[in-house]
Protein backbone atom coordinates (compact mmCIF):
# COMPACT_ATOMS: atom_id res chain seq x y z
CA MET A 1 34.82 -9.80 32.89
CA ARG A 2 38.36 -11.11 34.49
CA PHE A 3 38.38 -13.81 31.45
CA TRP A 4 37.91 -10.86 29.19
CA TYR A 5 41.07 -8.92 30.88
CA SER A 6 43.11 -11.58 31.03
CA VAL A 7 42.59 -12.65 27.38
CA LEU A 8 43.38 -8.77 26.34
CA LEU A 9 46.82 -8.78 28.84
CA PHE A 10 47.42 -12.11 26.69
CA GLY A 11 47.53 -10.21 23.65
CA GLY A 12 49.93 -7.72 24.57
CA THR A 13 47.10 -5.28 24.25
CA SER A 14 46.87 -2.89 27.33
CA LEU A 15 43.18 -1.87 28.38
CA GLY A 16 44.08 2.20 27.78
CA ALA A 17 45.19 1.68 24.26
CA TRP A 18 42.57 -1.18 22.95
CA GLN A 19 40.61 -0.06 20.07
CA PHE A 20 37.34 -1.67 18.39
CA PRO A 21 38.85 -3.35 15.41
CA GLN A 22 37.86 -0.99 11.75
CA GLN A 23 34.96 -2.97 10.42
CA GLN A 24 34.26 -2.94 6.68
CA HIS A 25 31.07 -1.11 5.69
CA MET A 26 28.23 -2.08 3.88
CA ALA A 27 26.91 0.46 1.32
CA LEU A 28 23.51 1.16 2.19
CA PRO A 29 21.52 3.30 -0.15
CA GLY A 30 21.89 6.21 1.32
CA TYR A 31 25.07 5.84 3.87
CA LYS A 32 28.48 6.86 3.48
CA PRO A 33 31.07 5.66 6.47
CA LEU A 34 32.31 8.53 8.31
CA THR A 35 36.16 7.99 8.24
CA SER A 36 37.23 11.20 10.35
CA ALA A 37 35.68 14.29 11.52
CA ASP A 38 36.41 16.49 8.50
CA ASP A 39 33.62 14.37 6.42
CA ASP A 40 30.78 16.06 5.25
CA VAL A 41 27.73 14.19 7.07
CA ASP A 42 24.45 13.81 4.57
CA ILE A 43 21.51 14.87 6.61
CA VAL A 44 19.13 14.76 3.98
CA THR A 45 18.87 11.31 2.60
CA GLY A 46 19.55 7.49 4.68
CA SER A 47 16.15 7.62 6.55
CA GLN A 48 12.99 6.81 6.22
CA PHE A 49 12.08 8.85 9.52
CA ASN A 50 13.05 12.37 8.51
CA GLY A 51 10.56 14.96 6.22
CA LEU A 52 6.93 14.57 5.36
CA THR A 53 5.77 11.28 5.73
CA THR A 54 4.70 10.41 2.38
CA TYR A 55 3.49 6.88 1.21
CA ALA A 56 6.60 4.72 0.25
CA ASN A 57 8.81 7.78 1.57
CA LEU A 58 7.83 9.33 -2.24
CA PRO A 59 7.96 12.85 -3.17
CA TYR A 60 5.15 15.49 -2.18
CA LEU A 61 3.53 17.40 -4.54
CA ASN A 62 -0.02 19.04 -4.61
CA CYS A 63 -1.41 17.57 -7.65
CA VAL A 64 -4.89 19.35 -6.88
CA SER A 65 -3.47 22.71 -7.50
CA ASP A 66 -2.66 23.93 -10.73
CA ASP A 67 -0.40 26.56 -9.57
CA ASP A 68 1.39 24.17 -6.82
CA VAL A 69 2.37 21.58 -9.74
CA GLY A 70 2.53 24.33 -12.83
CA ASP A 71 4.93 22.43 -15.38
CA LYS A 72 5.66 19.27 -12.91
CA LYS A 73 5.09 16.28 -14.77
CA TYR A 74 3.91 12.90 -12.83
CA ASP A 75 2.70 9.71 -14.06
CA ILE A 76 0.70 7.79 -11.13
CA ALA A 77 -0.63 9.79 -8.19
CA ILE A 78 -1.19 8.68 -4.91
CA LEU A 79 -4.07 10.06 -2.93
CA GLY A 80 -6.08 10.09 0.07
CA ALA A 81 -9.65 10.22 0.78
CA PRO A 82 -10.22 10.83 4.63
CA PHE A 83 -13.37 10.05 4.93
CA ASP A 84 -15.89 7.69 6.86
CA THR A 85 -19.22 9.02 7.42
CA GLY A 86 -21.08 6.76 5.01
CA VAL A 87 -20.08 3.24 6.97
CA THR A 88 -22.16 0.76 7.88
CA ALA A 89 -20.61 -0.11 11.31
CA ARG A 90 -17.33 1.20 12.89
CA PRO A 91 -16.05 4.81 11.60
CA GLY A 92 -12.23 5.49 11.94
CA ALA A 93 -11.11 4.99 8.27
CA ARG A 94 -11.02 9.38 7.91
CA TYR A 95 -7.15 8.57 9.51
CA GLY A 96 -6.87 5.68 7.17
CA PRO A 97 -4.47 7.58 4.65
CA LYS A 98 -2.66 8.50 7.45
CA GLY A 99 -2.12 5.15 8.32
CA ILE A 100 -1.47 3.75 5.58
CA ARG A 101 1.44 5.89 4.94
CA VAL A 102 2.93 5.47 8.26
CA GLY A 103 2.81 1.78 7.85
CA SER A 104 4.65 2.54 4.21
CA GLN A 105 7.71 3.58 6.05
CA ARG A 106 10.04 1.09 5.33
CA ILE A 107 9.07 0.86 1.57
CA ALA A 108 11.85 3.36 0.11
CA ALA A 109 12.75 3.34 -4.24
CA ASP A 110 16.36 1.85 -3.10
CA THR A 111 15.22 -1.19 -1.19
CA ALA A 112 11.98 -1.83 -3.09
CA TRP A 113 13.07 -4.84 -5.54
CA SER A 114 11.06 -7.49 -5.57
CA VAL A 115 12.06 -10.97 -4.74
CA TYR A 116 9.39 -12.71 -6.73
CA THR A 117 9.74 -10.32 -10.20
CA GLY A 118 13.03 -8.77 -9.39
CA LYS A 119 11.57 -5.68 -10.33
CA ASN A 120 10.98 -2.16 -8.57
CA PRO A 121 8.03 0.04 -9.84
CA LEU A 122 9.84 3.16 -7.55
CA LEU A 123 12.62 2.82 -9.83
CA SER A 124 11.02 2.40 -13.46
CA TRP A 125 10.13 4.64 -16.60
CA ALA A 126 6.81 6.15 -14.15
CA THR A 127 7.55 9.32 -11.86
CA ILE A 128 5.31 8.52 -9.22
CA VAL A 129 4.26 11.22 -6.55
CA ASP A 130 2.34 11.22 -3.21
CA CYS A 131 -0.51 14.06 -3.85
CA GLY A 132 -1.74 14.06 -0.13
CA ASP A 133 -5.27 14.01 0.43
CA VAL A 134 -8.76 15.17 -0.95
CA THR A 135 -10.07 18.40 1.62
CA LEU A 136 -13.29 16.24 2.62
CA PRO A 137 -15.68 17.67 5.11
CA TRP A 138 -17.26 15.04 7.64
CA LEU A 139 -20.35 16.68 8.28
CA ASP A 140 -22.01 16.10 4.72
CA ASN A 141 -21.67 13.68 3.00
CA ASN A 142 -23.29 14.99 -0.25
CA VAL A 143 -20.06 18.05 -0.46
CA ALA A 144 -18.00 15.11 0.60
CA LEU A 145 -18.95 12.86 -2.36
CA ALA A 146 -18.83 15.77 -5.05
CA LYS A 147 -15.25 16.91 -3.92
CA LEU A 148 -14.13 13.18 -4.45
CA ASP A 149 -15.95 12.87 -7.51
CA LYS A 150 -14.47 16.13 -8.53
CA ALA A 151 -10.48 14.70 -7.67
CA HIS A 152 -11.31 11.03 -8.83
CA LYS A 153 -12.79 10.47 -11.96
CA GLY A 154 -12.98 7.72 -14.62
CA LEU A 155 -14.02 4.57 -12.46
CA ILE A 156 -14.91 1.45 -14.42
CA ARG A 157 -18.60 0.56 -14.14
CA ASN A 158 -18.73 -2.43 -16.87
CA THR A 159 -17.18 -5.88 -17.19
CA SER A 160 -16.93 -5.77 -13.12
CA ILE A 161 -16.42 -8.50 -10.29
CA HIS A 162 -16.72 -8.90 -6.70
CA ALA A 163 -13.41 -10.68 -5.31
CA GLY A 164 -13.90 -12.24 -1.75
CA ILE A 165 -17.33 -12.23 -0.79
CA ARG A 166 -18.65 -13.65 2.33
CA ALA A 167 -20.38 -11.57 4.46
CA PRO A 168 -24.44 -12.04 5.40
CA ILE A 169 -26.72 -10.31 2.84
CA MET A 170 -30.02 -8.23 4.14
CA ARG A 171 -31.91 -9.33 1.49
CA GLU A 172 -32.29 -13.41 0.54
CA LYS A 173 -32.12 -13.03 -3.03
CA GLY A 174 -32.48 -9.10 -3.81
CA ASP A 175 -28.82 -8.19 -2.81
CA MET A 176 -27.37 -10.66 -4.96
CA LYS A 177 -29.57 -9.77 -8.14
CA ASN A 178 -28.72 -6.00 -7.65
CA ASP A 179 -25.09 -6.92 -7.70
CA VAL A 180 -25.81 -8.69 -11.46
CA ARG A 181 -28.29 -5.32 -12.37
CA CYS A 182 -25.18 -2.96 -11.64
CA GLY A 183 -22.82 -5.58 -13.68
CA PHE A 184 -20.88 -7.26 -11.11
CA ALA A 185 -19.93 -11.04 -11.07
CA THR A 186 -19.19 -12.66 -8.07
CA VAL A 187 -16.32 -15.15 -6.54
CA LYS A 188 -16.72 -15.79 -3.20
CA ALA A 189 -14.24 -16.11 -0.48
CA ARG A 190 -14.35 -20.04 -0.06
CA ASP A 191 -14.31 -20.29 -3.92
CA LEU A 192 -10.34 -20.39 -3.24
CA ASP A 193 -10.61 -23.25 -1.24
CA ARG A 194 -11.83 -24.91 -4.24
CA ILE A 195 -10.24 -23.28 -7.27
CA GLY A 196 -7.48 -21.94 -5.72
CA ALA A 197 -5.38 -18.67 -6.47
CA SER A 198 -4.95 -19.46 -9.97
CA GLY A 199 -8.82 -20.18 -10.69
CA VAL A 200 -9.22 -16.64 -9.06
CA ILE A 201 -6.96 -15.22 -11.24
CA SER A 202 -8.65 -16.58 -14.41
CA GLN A 203 -12.02 -15.83 -13.25
CA ILE A 204 -11.24 -12.22 -12.80
CA LYS A 205 -9.24 -11.83 -16.12
CA GLU A 206 -12.11 -13.32 -18.00
CA ARG A 207 -14.67 -11.17 -16.71
CA VAL A 208 -12.91 -7.91 -17.10
CA GLY A 209 -10.91 -9.20 -20.17
CA ASP A 210 -9.55 -6.27 -22.26
CA SER A 211 -11.41 -3.12 -20.94
CA LYS A 212 -9.59 -0.52 -18.68
CA VAL A 213 -9.18 -1.66 -15.29
CA TYR A 214 -9.60 0.09 -11.60
CA ILE A 215 -8.93 -2.04 -8.59
CA SER A 216 -10.67 -1.08 -5.67
CA VAL A 217 -9.79 -2.84 -2.66
CA ASP A 218 -11.59 -3.29 0.58
CA ILE A 219 -9.08 -4.07 3.32
CA ASP A 220 -11.82 -6.08 5.05
CA VAL A 221 -11.70 -8.87 2.24
CA LEU A 222 -8.71 -10.31 4.56
CA ASP A 223 -9.33 -11.99 7.37
CA PRO A 224 -9.68 -10.04 10.85
CA ALA A 225 -6.48 -12.09 11.76
CA PHE A 226 -4.78 -10.29 9.08
CA ALA A 227 -6.46 -6.66 8.94
CA PRO A 228 -8.57 -6.45 12.21
CA ALA A 229 -8.67 -2.46 11.53
CA THR A 230 -11.71 -1.78 9.76
CA GLY A 231 -15.03 -0.23 9.75
CA THR A 232 -16.72 -3.93 9.34
CA PRO A 233 -14.84 -7.25 9.98
CA GLU A 234 -15.69 -10.23 8.67
CA PRO A 235 -13.99 -13.39 9.56
CA GLY A 236 -13.23 -16.25 7.21
CA GLY A 237 -11.79 -13.76 4.66
CA TRP A 238 -7.83 -14.44 2.83
CA SER A 239 -5.00 -13.86 4.08
CA SER A 240 -2.58 -11.68 3.38
CA ARG A 241 -0.18 -13.79 1.51
CA GLU A 242 -3.37 -14.81 -1.07
CA LEU A 243 -4.36 -11.62 -1.72
CA LEU A 244 -1.13 -10.40 -2.69
CA THR A 245 -0.62 -13.33 -4.71
CA ILE A 246 -4.06 -12.90 -6.22
CA LEU A 247 -3.23 -9.07 -7.55
CA ASP A 248 -0.11 -10.31 -8.59
CA GLY A 249 -1.43 -12.53 -10.59
CA LEU A 250 -3.39 -10.00 -12.59
CA ASN A 251 -0.40 -8.62 -14.35
CA GLY A 252 -1.15 -7.81 -17.94
CA LEU A 253 -4.51 -6.36 -17.13
CA ASP A 254 -4.94 -2.80 -18.17
CA ILE A 255 -5.16 -1.00 -14.90
CA ILE A 256 -5.56 2.54 -14.62
CA GLY A 257 -5.97 3.21 -10.73
CA GLY A 258 -6.81 1.37 -7.69
CA ASP A 259 -7.82 1.90 -4.27
CA VAL A 260 -7.88 0.67 -0.74
CA VAL A 261 -10.21 1.85 1.75
CA GLU A 262 -11.75 0.92 4.88
CA VAL A 263 -8.29 0.97 7.13
CA ALA A 264 -9.56 2.51 10.16
CA PRO A 265 -6.19 2.63 12.56
CA ILE A 266 -7.86 3.16 15.76
CA TYR A 267 -8.89 -0.26 15.54
CA ASP A 268 -4.91 -1.38 14.84
CA THR A 269 -2.92 -4.04 16.67
CA ALA A 270 0.10 -2.42 18.38
CA GLY A 271 2.37 -4.15 15.51
CA GLN A 272 0.41 -2.25 12.93
CA THR A 273 -0.89 -5.54 11.33
CA THR A 274 -3.68 -3.44 9.13
CA ALA A 275 -1.50 -0.52 7.93
CA LEU A 276 1.42 -3.10 7.08
CA ALA A 277 -1.38 -4.81 4.90
CA ALA A 278 -2.70 -2.23 3.10
CA ALA A 279 0.88 -0.53 2.39
CA GLU A 280 2.09 -3.30 0.48
CA ILE A 281 -1.17 -3.82 -1.36
CA ALA A 282 -1.07 0.06 -2.53
CA PHE A 283 2.58 -1.35 -3.50
CA SER A 284 1.04 -4.49 -5.29
CA LEU A 285 -1.14 -1.98 -7.48
CA LEU A 286 1.67 0.60 -8.25
CA GLU A 287 3.67 -2.39 -9.76
CA LEU A 288 0.41 -3.46 -11.76
CA MET A 289 0.31 -0.31 -13.21
CA VAL A 290 4.11 0.52 -13.82
CA ASP A 291 4.44 -3.37 -15.43
CA ASN A 292 1.83 -2.60 -18.00
CA PRO A 293 1.47 1.15 -19.13
CA VAL A 294 -1.77 2.25 -20.07
CA LYS A 295 -2.45 4.83 -23.22
CA LEU A 296 -5.22 6.64 -21.83
């Protein structure tokens, strides 16, 4: 303190009159430097902590209500499905949509440019909105699934493929045979070690061909080190970087929709490891859809 005081005196500046030097303000999105008390202060934009908590700070629209939608047009909708009474292990995924939205608060339209592609799906041709959650009951699975089916139609059931499979199966041969019967090919988790991300991408693209594609990402495809907050954690999964690389490699496919499921925030770390990963995965799905518009 004495050293600093002596420097100030040497500079010919008294302590009472000294002021911090004026600094050049960065033009961050939503921020405007305040130069005087008479300037207008923006209390609407510039913070991801105000207003409703939507995915990636997108505008909210109650898409399941015709009265609320009216003549408003949108191209891609974010829709939560808070449901977990059909899980095989730990419940808690009914809070997944809320957790993913919280994990996405670092994402916003003005600051979402990809360092890999140079693109920003939130500033593109597509109008993207957050529609909130489907009103699903938690006591009757039949009613819940009927509501979910009404709100979420058009799943692709042919030319399908499972990727990242590794968990033990209940029947020695029956489970895998049933997968084939249902139209699924399989890429096992450890295949990535042998053929690399490019090999996995090639197998997926060859399998789905030119069909319309729906991508469903069960968060437990990731290793518990990267996504512990899930109903059935299974060691030996992919890293978040590996999965994001594979998803980015699916560009060019006719993707009509996707989901991220099985996120159970109650089991997450204090750093929201799973929620952050899930939010980024959802963003990758948005990028794919925006990059290659599909006419239905």
